[in-house]
Amino acid sequence: MRYMLSYQPDKRFLIEDYEPSYLGLAESGALSQRVEWALEELADCTACPRQCHVNRLENETNVCNTGRYAHVASAFAHFGEEDCLRGWRGSGTIFFSFCNLQCVFCQNWDISQQPAGEERDAEGIAALMLELQAQGCHNINFVTPEHVVPQVIEAIAAAVPKGLRLPIVYNTSAYDSVESLKSLEGLVDIYMPDFKCWKQESARDLLKAKDYPERAREALLEMQRQVGALGFGPDGVARRGVLVRHLVMPGQTDEAEAIFRWLADEVSPDTYVNIMGQYRPAHRVGEHDRHGNPRYTEIGRRPKRPELEEAFARARAAGLWRFEKS
């Protein structure tokens, strides 16, 4: 069965014969070495740019509120992801609880900013991966994995000997450690980073991470180095590469343009970009300060249609041409 995308891939990005690269790592013994690295990382945690240096093996926690084991909020076949990921059988999403960012507008704040679901060890996460594969999902899609990279590595290593054969999607805010990303080389097939904002001031106020733009740029370059531009199988479903998401925020068209120009100039004009129009005020956006003034008036509304159209136009003007609109 051939799945037809809203965007039809160029033959340059066709992947005829796909096999997960983690199979080669497992056969060579390198996958077990990655697990050793993962455990060392948890003992003095620098898994993300927060560089907390807590001993998560002893369940010490800091910003991400996650100790030895990852918290899994849910796992299911997701039909709301990009066309090229959901296909006709869904993307096998595993949502992790908590986050290393504190976005004031987070639409998933009920799982990113407070406890949700249950702790799962490597075998438990591997069981979820294999169940999603058995359901027919096209891929395994780890959502918000930045703070649990070591646990993701453990889970993949546990699932491969039991028959895992699907592409791995790393669905991230892009607030990632380059060293952690390097540890995922050969394990992740598809990187799907957000690029949220360009200015440090916006990152400080809205994400509570002033260094987000710099870290996101470093992360995207590393992702591109590993897997390159997004490629598709003959069925139209993505197999390998980078897919960038940008959520259009009200009043931030100039920041969107800066992001698009950087992607085209520094990553690749062939970068596949999903320009997302579903922003709505959520979580802390309606808060007031101690004087009764709204804290986040600039993002206290949905983006207007002309703003969405302008973002798309500026992406094209920047030299990008592979889009999905949602």
C-alpha atoms as a PDB file:
ATOM      1  CA  MET A   1       0.000   0.000   0.000  1.00  0.00           C
ATOM      2  CA  ARG A   2       1.366   3.410  -0.920  1.00  0.00           C
ATOM      3  CA  TYR A   3       0.594   6.277   1.409  1.00  0.00           C
ATOM      4  CA  MET A   4       0.194   9.605  -0.372  1.00  0.00           C
ATOM      5  CA  LEU A   5       1.649  12.652   1.350  1.00  0.00           C
ATOM      6  CA  SER A   6       0.285  16.165   1.067  1.00  0.00           C
ATOM      7  CA  TYR A   7       3.904  16.869   0.072  1.00  0.00           C
ATOM      8  CA  GLN A   8       5.313  14.478  -2.529  1.00  0.00           C
ATOM      9  CA  PRO A   9       8.990  13.712  -1.888  1.00  0.00           C
ATOM     10  CA  ASP A  10      11.602  14.420  -4.515  1.00  0.00           C
ATOM     11  CA  LYS A  11      13.412  11.302  -5.794  1.00  0.00           C
ATOM     12  CA  ARG A  12      16.599  12.695  -4.272  1.00  0.00           C
ATOM     13  CA  PHE A  13      15.120  11.966  -0.861  1.00  0.00           C
ATOM     14  CA  LEU A  14      13.863   8.451  -1.586  1.00  0.00           C
ATOM     15  CA  ILE A  15      15.207   5.652   0.624  1.00  0.00           C
ATOM     16  CA  GLU A  16      14.615   2.363  -1.189  1.00  0.00           C
ATOM     17  CA  ASP A  17      16.129  -0.090   1.285  1.00  0.00           C
ATOM     18  CA  TYR A  18      15.826   0.805   4.945  1.00  0.00           C
ATOM     19  CA  GLU A  19      17.268  -0.996   7.926  1.00  0.00           C
ATOM     20  CA  PRO A  20      17.612   0.616  11.364  1.00  0.00           C
ATOM     21  CA  SER A  21      21.246   1.461  12.027  1.00  0.00           C
ATOM     22  CA  TYR A  22      20.877   0.335  15.633  1.00  0.00           C
ATOM     23  CA  LEU A  23      20.945  -3.263  14.364  1.00  0.00           C
ATOM     24  CA  GLY A  24      24.554  -2.798  13.298  1.00  0.00           C
ATOM     25  CA  LEU A  25      25.426  -1.255  16.655  1.00  0.00           C
ATOM     26  CA  ALA A  26      23.882  -4.206  18.460  1.00  0.00           C
ATOM     27  CA  GLU A  27      25.736  -6.734  16.305  1.00  0.00           C
ATOM     28  CA  SER A  28      29.086  -5.008  16.855  1.00  0.00           C
ATOM     29  CA  GLY A  29      28.641  -4.738  20.620  1.00  0.00           C
ATOM     30  CA  ALA A  30      28.681  -0.935  20.494  1.00  0.00           C
ATOM     31  CA  LEU A  31      25.113  -0.732  21.783  1.00  0.00           C
ATOM     32  CA  SER A  32      26.090  -2.237  25.130  1.00  0.00           C
ATOM     33  CA  GLN A  33      28.871   0.353  25.340  1.00  0.00           C
ATOM     34  CA  ARG A  34      26.261   3.084  24.895  1.00  0.00           C
ATOM     35  CA  VAL A  35      24.364   1.662  27.874  1.00  0.00           C
ATOM     36  CA  GLU A  36      27.517   1.871  29.970  1.00  0.00           C
ATOM     37  CA  TRP A  37      27.829   5.527  28.982  1.00  0.00           C
ATOM     38  CA  ALA A  38      24.188   6.089  29.905  1.00  0.00           C
ATOM     39  CA  LEU A  39      24.680   4.787  33.431  1.00  0.00           C
ATOM     40  CA  GLU A  40      27.793   6.911  33.888  1.00  0.00           C
ATOM     41  CA  GLU A  41      25.828   9.949  32.709  1.00  0.00           C
ATOM     42  CA  LEU A  42      23.111   9.371  35.299  1.00  0.00           C
ATOM     43  CA  ALA A  43      25.644   9.229  38.122  1.00  0.00           C
ATOM     44  CA  ASP A  44      26.684  12.869  37.539  1.00  0.00           C
ATOM     45  CA  CYS A  45      23.984  14.187  35.277  1.00  0.00           C
ATOM     46  CA  THR A  46      24.908  16.378  32.333  1.00  0.00           C
ATOM     47  CA  ALA A  47      22.317  14.792  30.056  1.00  0.00           C
ATOM     48  CA  CYS A  48      20.932  18.190  29.001  1.00  0.00           C
ATOM     49  CA  PRO A  49      22.163  21.806  28.932  1.00  0.00           C
ATOM     50  CA  ARG A  50      21.073  22.363  32.545  1.00  0.00           C
ATOM     51  CA  GLN A  51      24.212  20.461  33.642  1.00  0.00           C
ATOM     52  CA  CYS A  52      22.733  19.729  37.080  1.00  0.00           C
ATOM     53  CA  HIS A  53      25.440  17.222  38.194  1.00  0.00           C
ATOM     54  CA  VAL A  54      23.039  15.310  40.445  1.00  0.00           C
ATOM     55  CA  ASN A  55      23.339  11.564  41.010  1.00  0.00           C
ATOM     56  CA  ARG A  56      20.201  10.275  39.360  1.00  0.00           C
ATOM     57  CA  LEU A  57      21.224   6.681  40.009  1.00  0.00           C
ATOM     58  CA  GLU A  58      20.461   7.544  43.626  1.00  0.00           C
ATOM     59  CA  ASN A  59      17.217   9.271  42.606  1.00  0.00           C
ATOM     60  CA  GLU A  60      18.585  12.771  43.151  1.00  0.00           C
ATOM     61  CA  THR A  61      16.610  15.238  41.031  1.00  0.00           C
ATOM     62  CA  ASN A  62      16.746  18.852  39.943  1.00  0.00           C
ATOM     63  CA  VAL A  63      15.040  20.801  37.145  1.00  0.00           C
ATOM     64  CA  CYS A  64      13.550  17.812  35.293  1.00  0.00           C
ATOM     65  CA  ASN A  65      12.275  16.098  38.458  1.00  0.00           C
ATOM     66  CA  THR A  66      13.380  12.725  37.081  1.00  0.00           C
ATOM     67  CA  GLY A  67      15.657  10.319  38.921  1.00  0.00           C
ATOM     68  CA  ARG A  68      16.789   6.831  37.970  1.00  0.00           C
ATOM     69  CA  TYR A  69      13.777   5.905  35.863  1.00  0.00           C
ATOM     70  CA  ALA A  70      11.834   7.834  33.257  1.00  0.00           C
ATOM     71  CA  HIS A  71       8.186   8.672  33.894  1.00  0.00           C
ATOM     72  CA  VAL A  72       5.960   7.611  30.996  1.00  0.00           C
ATOM     73  CA  ALA A  73       2.715   9.574  30.746  1.00  0.00           C
ATOM     74  CA  SER A  74       1.219   7.605  27.845  1.00  0.00           C
ATOM     75  CA  ALA A  75       1.985   5.388  24.856  1.00  0.00           C
ATOM     76  CA  PHE A  76      -0.283   5.002  21.852  1.00  0.00           C
ATOM     77  CA  ALA A  77      -0.615   5.078  18.075  1.00  0.00           C
ATOM     78  CA  HIS A  78      -0.768   8.808  17.346  1.00  0.00           C
ATOM     79  CA  PHE A  79      -2.642  10.029  14.268  1.00  0.00           C
ATOM     80  CA  GLY A  80      -2.089  13.732  14.967  1.00  0.00           C
ATOM     81  CA  GLU A  81       1.575  13.872  14.002  1.00  0.00           C
ATOM     82  CA  GLU A  82       2.969  14.976  10.634  1.00  0.00           C
ATOM     83  CA  ASP A  83       1.643  13.159   7.566  1.00  0.00           C
ATOM     84  CA  CYS A  84       4.982  11.526   6.915  1.00  0.00           C
ATOM     85  CA  LEU A  85       5.162  10.092  10.440  1.00  0.00           C
ATOM     86  CA  ARG A  86       1.609   8.959  11.091  1.00  0.00           C
ATOM     87  CA  GLY A  87       1.104   7.320   7.689  1.00  0.00           C
ATOM     88  CA  TRP A  88      -2.014   5.158   7.802  1.00  0.00           C
ATOM     89  CA  ARG A  89      -1.175   3.149  10.951  1.00  0.00           C
ATOM     90  CA  GLY A  90      -0.052   5.922  13.284  1.00  0.00           C
ATOM     91  CA  SER A  91       3.188   7.009  14.911  1.00  0.00           C
ATOM     92  CA  GLY A  92       4.009   4.961  18.017  1.00  0.00           C
ATOM     93  CA  THR A  93       4.363   7.783  20.515  1.00  0.00           C
ATOM     94  CA  ILE A  94       5.787   7.387  24.009  1.00  0.00           C
ATOM     95  CA  PHE A  95       5.216  10.590  25.983  1.00  0.00           C
ATOM     96  CA  PHE A  96       7.685  11.195  28.798  1.00  0.00           C
ATOM     97  CA  SER A  97       6.599  13.244  31.797  1.00  0.00           C
ATOM     98  CA  PHE A  98       8.457  16.356  32.938  1.00  0.00           C
ATOM     99  CA  CYS A  99      10.746  18.549  30.842  1.00  0.00           C
ATOM    100  CA  ASN A 100      14.003  20.474  31.066  1.00  0.00           C
ATOM    101  CA  LEU A 101      12.247  23.660  29.893  1.00  0.00           C
ATOM    102  CA  GLN A 102       9.538  25.602  31.689  1.00  0.00           C
ATOM    103  CA  CYS A 103       7.634  27.130  28.782  1.00  0.00           C
ATOM    104  CA  VAL A 104       4.946  29.472  30.081  1.00  0.00           C
ATOM    105  CA  PHE A 105       2.689  28.629  27.112  1.00  0.00           C
ATOM    106  CA  CYS A 106       3.086  24.827  27.219  1.00  0.00           C
ATOM    107  CA  GLN A 107      -0.033  23.087  25.941  1.00  0.00           C
ATOM    108  CA  ASN A 108       1.071  19.832  27.581  1.00  0.00           C
ATOM    109  CA  TRP A 109       1.833  21.422  30.950  1.00  0.00           C
ATOM    110  CA  ASP A 110      -0.194  18.772  32.797  1.00  0.00           C
ATOM    111  CA  ILE A 111       2.488  16.199  31.941  1.00  0.00           C
ATOM    112  CA  SER A 112       5.539  18.416  31.365  1.00  0.00           C
ATOM    113  CA  GLN A 113       5.358  20.413  34.585  1.00  0.00           C
ATOM    114  CA  GLN A 114       3.851  17.958  37.050  1.00  0.00           C
ATOM    115  CA  PRO A 115       3.837  14.209  37.750  1.00  0.00           C
ATOM    116  CA  ALA A 116       1.945  12.054  35.283  1.00  0.00           C
ATOM    117  CA  GLY A 117       1.884   8.367  34.429  1.00  0.00           C
ATOM    118  CA  GLU A 118       4.317   6.004  36.079  1.00  0.00           C
ATOM    119  CA  GLU A 119       8.001   5.194  36.266  1.00  0.00           C
ATOM    120  CA  ARG A 120       9.203   2.607  33.770  1.00  0.00           C
ATOM    121  CA  ASP A 121      12.551   0.866  33.711  1.00  0.00           C
ATOM    122  CA  ALA A 122      14.308  -0.089  30.465  1.00  0.00           C
ATOM    123  CA  GLU A 123      12.409  -3.356  30.135  1.00  0.00           C
ATOM    124  CA  GLY A 124       9.113  -1.570  30.741  1.00  0.00           C
ATOM    125  CA  ILE A 125       9.763   1.018  28.026  1.00  0.00           C
ATOM    126  CA  ALA A 126      11.014  -1.696  25.678  1.00  0.00           C
ATOM    127  CA  ALA A 127       7.732  -3.563  26.200  1.00  0.00           C
ATOM    128  CA  LEU A 128       5.813  -0.453  25.143  1.00  0.00           C
ATOM    129  CA  MET A 129       7.966  -0.108  22.021  1.00  0.00           C
ATOM    130  CA  LEU A 130       7.369  -3.701  21.011  1.00  0.00           C
ATOM    131  CA  GLU A 131       3.633  -3.397  21.664  1.00  0.00           C
ATOM    132  CA  LEU A 132       3.423  -0.332  19.407  1.00  0.00           C
ATOM    133  CA  GLN A 133       5.377  -2.207  16.739  1.00  0.00           C
ATOM    134  CA  ALA A 134       2.947  -5.132  17.036  1.00  0.00           C
ATOM    135  CA  GLN A 135       0.054  -2.709  16.532  1.00  0.00           C
ATOM    136  CA  GLY A 136       1.540  -1.777  13.164  1.00  0.00           C
ATOM    137  CA  CYS A 137       2.877   1.704  13.972  1.00  0.00           C
ATOM    138  CA  HIS A 138       5.345   3.089  11.440  1.00  0.00           C
ATOM    139  CA  ASN A 139       7.907   4.255  14.014  1.00  0.00           C
ATOM    140  CA  ILE A 140       8.670   4.679  17.705  1.00  0.00           C
ATOM    141  CA  ASN A 141       8.291   8.344  18.605  1.00  0.00           C
ATOM    142  CA  PHE A 142       9.891   9.463  21.888  1.00  0.00           C
ATOM    143  CA  VAL A 143       8.261  12.737  22.945  1.00  0.00           C
ATOM    144  CA  THR A 144      10.145  15.114  25.292  1.00  0.00           C
ATOM    145  CA  PRO A 145      13.195  12.853  25.700  1.00  0.00           C
ATOM    146  CA  GLU A 146      15.857  15.529  26.310  1.00  0.00           C
ATOM    147  CA  HIS A 147      16.165  14.767  30.034  1.00  0.00           C
ATOM    148  CA  VAL A 148      15.950  10.976  29.693  1.00  0.00           C
ATOM    149  CA  VAL A 149      18.463  10.231  26.929  1.00  0.00           C
ATOM    150  CA  PRO A 150      20.265   7.632  29.099  1.00  0.00           C
ATOM    151  CA  GLN A 151      16.977   5.843  29.765  1.00  0.00           C
ATOM    152  CA  VAL A 152      16.090   5.938  26.060  1.00  0.00           C
ATOM    153  CA  ILE A 153      19.410   4.278  25.213  1.00  0.00           C
ATOM    154  CA  GLU A 154      18.777   1.572  27.797  1.00  0.00           C
ATOM    155  CA  ALA A 155      15.281   0.958  26.430  1.00  0.00           C
ATOM    156  CA  ILE A 156      16.426   0.642  22.807  1.00  0.00           C
ATOM    157  CA  ALA A 157      19.157  -1.774  23.890  1.00  0.00           C
ATOM    158  CA  ALA A 158      16.547  -3.856  25.714  1.00  0.00           C
ATOM    159  CA  ALA A 159      14.093  -3.855  22.785  1.00  0.00           C
ATOM    160  CA  VAL A 160      16.438  -4.721  19.911  1.00  0.00           C
ATOM    161  CA  PRO A 161      17.178  -8.339  20.971  1.00  0.00           C
ATOM    162  CA  LYS A 162      13.422  -8.876  21.296  1.00  0.00           C
ATOM    163  CA  GLY A 163      12.730  -7.867  17.714  1.00  0.00           C
ATOM    164  CA  LEU A 164      12.497  -4.079  17.458  1.00  0.00           C
ATOM    165  CA  ARG A 165      12.877  -3.046  13.817  1.00  0.00           C
ATOM    166  CA  LEU A 166      11.148   0.358  13.521  1.00  0.00           C
ATOM    167  CA  PRO A 167      12.715   3.788  12.927  1.00  0.00           C
ATOM    168  CA  ILE A 168      13.288   5.779  16.106  1.00  0.00           C
ATOM    169  CA  VAL A 169      11.946   9.355  16.196  1.00  0.00           C
ATOM    170  CA  TYR A 170      13.495  11.788  18.686  1.00  0.00           C
ATOM    171  CA  ASN A 171      10.765  14.400  19.211  1.00  0.00           C
ATOM    172  CA  THR A 172      12.442  17.239  21.093  1.00  0.00           C
ATOM    173  CA  SER A 173      12.302  20.909  22.092  1.00  0.00           C
ATOM    174  CA  ALA A 174      15.925  21.124  20.813  1.00  0.00           C
ATOM    175  CA  TYR A 175      17.146  22.087  24.291  1.00  0.00           C
ATOM    176  CA  ASP A 176      19.585  19.206  24.023  1.00  0.00           C
ATOM    177  CA  SER A 177      23.150  18.496  25.016  1.00  0.00           C
ATOM    178  CA  VAL A 178      25.352  17.892  21.986  1.00  0.00           C
ATOM    179  CA  GLU A 179      27.152  15.151  23.921  1.00  0.00           C
ATOM    180  CA  SER A 180      23.853  13.393  24.559  1.00  0.00           C
ATOM    181  CA  LEU A 181      22.968  13.684  20.889  1.00  0.00           C
ATOM    182  CA  LYS A 182      26.313  12.158  19.954  1.00  0.00           C
ATOM    183  CA  SER A 183      25.503   9.203  22.200  1.00  0.00           C
ATOM    184  CA  LEU A 184      22.342   8.677  20.116  1.00  0.00           C
ATOM    185  CA  GLU A 185      24.164   8.513  16.781  1.00  0.00           C
ATOM    186  CA  GLY A 186      23.156   5.321  15.032  1.00  0.00           C
ATOM    187  CA  LEU A 187      20.173   4.857  17.375  1.00  0.00           C
ATOM    188  CA  VAL A 188      17.927   7.696  16.194  1.00  0.00           C
ATOM    189  CA  ASP A 189      16.716   7.665  12.600  1.00  0.00           C
ATOM    190  CA  ILE A 190      14.543  10.784  12.609  1.00  0.00           C
ATOM    191  CA  TYR A 191      15.228  13.893  14.650  1.00  0.00           C
ATOM    192  CA  MET A 192      12.190  16.136  15.045  1.00  0.00           C
ATOM    193  CA  PRO A 193      13.276  19.277  16.931  1.00  0.00           C
ATOM    194  CA  ASP A 194      11.255  22.370  17.634  1.00  0.00           C
ATOM    195  CA  PHE A 195      12.950  25.690  17.038  1.00  0.00           C
ATOM    196  CA  LYS A 196      10.878  27.868  19.336  1.00  0.00           C
ATOM    197  CA  CYS A 197      12.462  31.315  19.397  1.00  0.00           C
ATOM    198  CA  TRP A 198      15.511  33.170  18.163  1.00  0.00           C
ATOM    199  CA  LYS A 199      16.138  35.889  20.746  1.00  0.00           C
ATOM    200  CA  GLN A 200      17.688  35.300  24.157  1.00  0.00           C
ATOM    201  CA  GLU A 201      15.165  37.656  25.723  1.00  0.00           C
ATOM    202  CA  SER A 202      12.254  35.591  24.420  1.00  0.00           C
ATOM    203  CA  ALA A 203      13.899  32.377  25.585  1.00  0.00           C
ATOM    204  CA  ARG A 204      14.528  33.812  29.055  1.00  0.00           C
ATOM    205  CA  ASP A 205      10.988  35.131  29.480  1.00  0.00           C
ATOM    206  CA  LEU A 206       8.971  32.415  27.771  1.00  0.00           C
ATOM    207  CA  LEU A 207      11.054  29.226  28.111  1.00  0.00           C
ATOM    208  CA  LYS A 208      12.984  30.090  31.293  1.00  0.00           C
ATOM    209  CA  ALA A 209      16.223  29.187  29.497  1.00  0.00           C
ATOM    210  CA  LYS A 210      18.151  32.178  28.187  1.00  0.00           C
ATOM    211  CA  ASP A 211      20.638  29.974  26.333  1.00  0.00           C
ATOM    212  CA  TYR A 212      17.942  28.101  24.397  1.00  0.00           C
ATOM    213  CA  PRO A 213      18.627  29.694  20.958  1.00  0.00           C
ATOM    214  CA  GLU A 214      22.336  28.857  21.096  1.00  0.00           C
ATOM    215  CA  ARG A 215      21.748  25.329  22.372  1.00  0.00           C
ATOM    216  CA  ALA A 216      19.069  24.729  19.727  1.00  0.00           C
ATOM    217  CA  ARG A 217      21.414  25.821  16.939  1.00  0.00           C
ATOM    218  CA  GLU A 218      24.161  23.522  18.221  1.00  0.00           C
ATOM    219  CA  ALA A 219      21.697  20.640  18.518  1.00  0.00           C
ATOM    220  CA  LEU A 220      20.276  21.082  15.016  1.00  0.00           C
ATOM    221  CA  LEU A 221      23.707  21.117  13.433  1.00  0.00           C
ATOM    222  CA  GLU A 222      24.575  17.870  15.222  1.00  0.00           C
ATOM    223  CA  MET A 223      21.296  16.261  14.161  1.00  0.00           C
ATOM    224  CA  GLN A 224      21.898  17.291  10.545  1.00  0.00           C
ATOM    225  CA  ARG A 225      25.426  15.880  10.702  1.00  0.00           C
ATOM    226  CA  GLN A 226      24.102  12.530  11.844  1.00  0.00           C
ATOM    227  CA  VAL A 227      21.093  11.936   9.599  1.00  0.00           C
ATOM    228  CA  GLY A 228      20.896  14.693   6.982  1.00  0.00           C
ATOM    229  CA  ALA A 229      17.795  15.888   5.143  1.00  0.00           C
ATOM    230  CA  LEU A 230      14.544  13.994   5.659  1.00  0.00           C
ATOM    231  CA  GLY A 231      14.149  10.958   3.421  1.00  0.00           C
ATOM    232  CA  PHE A 232      11.120   8.776   2.691  1.00  0.00           C
ATOM    233  CA  GLY A 233      10.442   5.186   1.817  1.00  0.00           C
ATOM    234  CA  PRO A 234       8.551   4.212  -1.355  1.00  0.00           C
ATOM    235  CA  ASP A 235       5.348   4.271   0.731  1.00  0.00           C
ATOM    236  CA  GLY A 236       5.809   7.981   1.490  1.00  0.00           C
ATOM    237  CA  VAL A 237       6.547   7.462   5.196  1.00  0.00           C
ATOM    238  CA  ALA A 238       9.682   9.091   6.644  1.00  0.00           C
ATOM    239  CA  ARG A 239      12.632   6.802   7.306  1.00  0.00           C
ATOM    240  CA  ARG A 240      15.582   8.997   8.212  1.00  0.00           C
ATOM    241  CA  GLY A 241      16.574  12.639   8.557  1.00  0.00           C
ATOM    242  CA  VAL A 242      15.698  15.923  10.267  1.00  0.00           C
ATOM    243  CA  LEU A 243      12.206  17.408  10.440  1.00  0.00           C
ATOM    244  CA  VAL A 244      12.014  20.838  12.088  1.00  0.00           C
ATOM    245  CA  ARG A 245       8.888  22.218  13.719  1.00  0.00           C
ATOM    246  CA  HIS A 246       8.260  25.910  14.267  1.00  0.00           C
ATOM    247  CA  LEU A 247       5.208  27.060  16.208  1.00  0.00           C
ATOM    248  CA  VAL A 248       4.120  30.465  14.940  1.00  0.00           C
ATOM    249  CA  MET A 249       3.721  32.763  17.951  1.00  0.00           C
ATOM    250  CA  PRO A 250       1.758  36.033  17.891  1.00  0.00           C
ATOM    251  CA  GLY A 251       3.971  39.042  17.260  1.00  0.00           C
ATOM    252  CA  GLN A 252       7.105  36.995  16.573  1.00  0.00           C
ATOM    253  CA  THR A 253       7.230  36.933  12.788  1.00  0.00           C
ATOM    254  CA  ASP A 254      10.711  38.473  12.787  1.00  0.00           C
ATOM    255  CA  GLU A 255      12.011  35.710  15.031  1.00  0.00           C
ATOM    256  CA  ALA A 256      10.462  33.116  12.729  1.00  0.00           C
ATOM    257  CA  GLU A 257      12.225  34.724   9.765  1.00  0.00           C
ATOM    258  CA  ALA A 258      15.579  34.613  11.577  1.00  0.00           C
ATOM    259  CA  ILE A 259      15.068  30.913  12.305  1.00  0.00           C
ATOM    260  CA  PHE A 260      14.124  30.140   8.697  1.00  0.00           C
ATOM    261  CA  ARG A 261      17.103  32.039   7.307  1.00  0.00           C
ATOM    262  CA  TRP A 262      19.480  30.239   9.649  1.00  0.00           C
ATOM    263  CA  LEU A 263      18.023  26.856   8.702  1.00  0.00           C
ATOM    264  CA  ALA A 264      18.398  27.583   5.006  1.00  0.00           C
ATOM    265  CA  ASP A 265      21.892  29.073   5.271  1.00  0.00           C
ATOM    266  CA  GLU A 266      23.518  26.985   8.022  1.00  0.00           C
ATOM    267  CA  VAL A 267      21.676  23.650   8.061  1.00  0.00           C
ATOM    268  CA  SER A 268      20.326  23.079   4.541  1.00  0.00           C
ATOM    269  CA  PRO A 269      17.816  24.666   2.164  1.00  0.00           C
ATOM    270  CA  ASP A 270      16.471  21.096   1.888  1.00  0.00           C
ATOM    271  CA  THR A 271      15.419  21.119   5.545  1.00  0.00           C
ATOM    272  CA  TYR A 272      11.865  19.801   5.901  1.00  0.00           C
ATOM    273  CA  VAL A 273       9.898  22.259   8.064  1.00  0.00           C
ATOM    274  CA  ASN A 274       6.464  22.039   9.634  1.00  0.00           C
ATOM    275  CA  ILE A 275       5.132  25.564  10.137  1.00  0.00           C
ATOM    276  CA  MET A 276       2.581  25.087  12.899  1.00  0.00           C
ATOM    277  CA  GLY A 277      -0.407  27.368  13.393  1.00  0.00           C
ATOM    278  CA  GLN A 278      -2.087  25.814  16.430  1.00  0.00           C
ATOM    279  CA  TYR A 279      -0.710  28.111  19.138  1.00  0.00           C
ATOM    280  CA  ARG A 280      -3.228  29.125  21.777  1.00  0.00           C
ATOM    281  CA  PRO A 281      -2.771  30.818  25.168  1.00  0.00           C
ATOM    282  CA  ALA A 282      -2.277  28.085  27.769  1.00  0.00           C
ATOM    283  CA  HIS A 283      -0.649  27.231  31.100  1.00  0.00           C
ATOM    284  CA  ARG A 284       0.766  30.443  32.655  1.00  0.00           C
ATOM    285  CA  VAL A 285      -0.039  32.895  29.861  1.00  0.00           C
ATOM    286  CA  GLY A 286      -2.993  34.338  31.777  1.00  0.00           C
ATOM    287  CA  GLU A 287      -1.003  35.032  34.950  1.00  0.00           C
ATOM    288  CA  HIS A 288      -0.779  38.479  36.544  1.00  0.00           C
ATOM    289  CA  ASP A 289       2.086  40.030  38.492  1.00  0.00           C
ATOM    290  CA  ARG A 290       1.776  41.296  42.069  1.00  0.00           C
ATOM    291  CA  HIS A 291       0.459  44.609  40.751  1.00  0.00           C
ATOM    292  CA  GLY A 292      -2.345  42.875  38.875  1.00  0.00           C
ATOM    293  CA  ASN A 293      -0.837  43.401  35.416  1.00  0.00           C
ATOM    294  CA  PRO A 294      -0.870  40.569  32.850  1.00  0.00           C
ATOM    295  CA  ARG A 295       2.583  38.959  32.592  1.00  0.00           C
ATOM    296  CA  TYR A 296       2.513  37.721  29.018  1.00  0.00           C
ATOM    297  CA  THR A 297       0.299  40.059  27.041  1.00  0.00           C
ATOM    298  CA  GLU A 298       2.367  39.696  23.875  1.00  0.00           C
ATOM    299  CA  ILE A 299       1.380  36.016  23.529  1.00  0.00           C
ATOM    300  CA  GLY A 300      -2.078  36.291  25.066  1.00  0.00           C
ATOM    301  CA  ARG A 301      -3.894  35.550  21.802  1.00  0.00           C
ATOM    302  CA  ARG A 302      -3.836  33.171  18.879  1.00  0.00           C
ATOM    303  CA  PRO A 303      -1.759  34.180  15.841  1.00  0.00           C
ATOM    304  CA  LYS A 304      -3.805  35.874  13.150  1.00  0.00           C
ATOM    305  CA  ARG A 305      -4.126  34.428   9.672  1.00  0.00           C
ATOM    306  CA  PRO A 306      -1.923  37.152   8.120  1.00  0.00           C
ATOM    307  CA  GLU A 307       0.809  36.249  10.627  1.00  0.00           C
ATOM    308  CA  LEU A 308       0.635  32.597   9.602  1.00  0.00           C
ATOM    309  CA  GLU A 309       0.712  33.508   5.924  1.00  0.00           C
ATOM    310  CA  GLU A 310       3.622  35.872   6.516  1.00  0.00           C
ATOM    311  CA  ALA A 311       5.604  33.178   8.336  1.00  0.00           C
ATOM    312  CA  PHE A 312       5.142  30.809   5.412  1.00  0.00           C
ATOM    313  CA  ALA A 313       6.114  33.531   2.921  1.00  0.00           C
ATOM    314  CA  ARG A 314       9.269  34.378   4.857  1.00  0.00           C
ATOM    315  CA  ALA A 315      10.268  30.720   5.019  1.00  0.00           C
ATOM    316  CA  ARG A 316      10.046  30.530   1.234  1.00  0.00           C
ATOM    317  CA  ALA A 317      11.906  33.818   0.848  1.00  0.00           C
ATOM    318  CA  ALA A 318      14.661  32.439   3.076  1.00  0.00           C
ATOM    319  CA  GLY A 319      15.228  29.635   0.586  1.00  0.00           C
ATOM    320  CA  LEU A 320      13.349  26.785   2.261  1.00  0.00           C
ATOM    321  CA  TRP A 321      11.009  24.780   0.044  1.00  0.00           C
ATOM    322  CA  ARG A 322      10.084  21.514   1.784  1.00  0.00           C
ATOM    323  CA  PHE A 323       7.080  22.318   4.000  1.00  0.00           C
ATOM    324  CA  GLU A 324       4.238  20.812   5.879  1.00  0.00           C
ATOM    325  CA  LYS A 325       1.564  23.117   7.276  1.00  0.00           C
ATOM    326  CA  SER A 326      -0.459  22.158  10.345  1.00  0.00           C
END
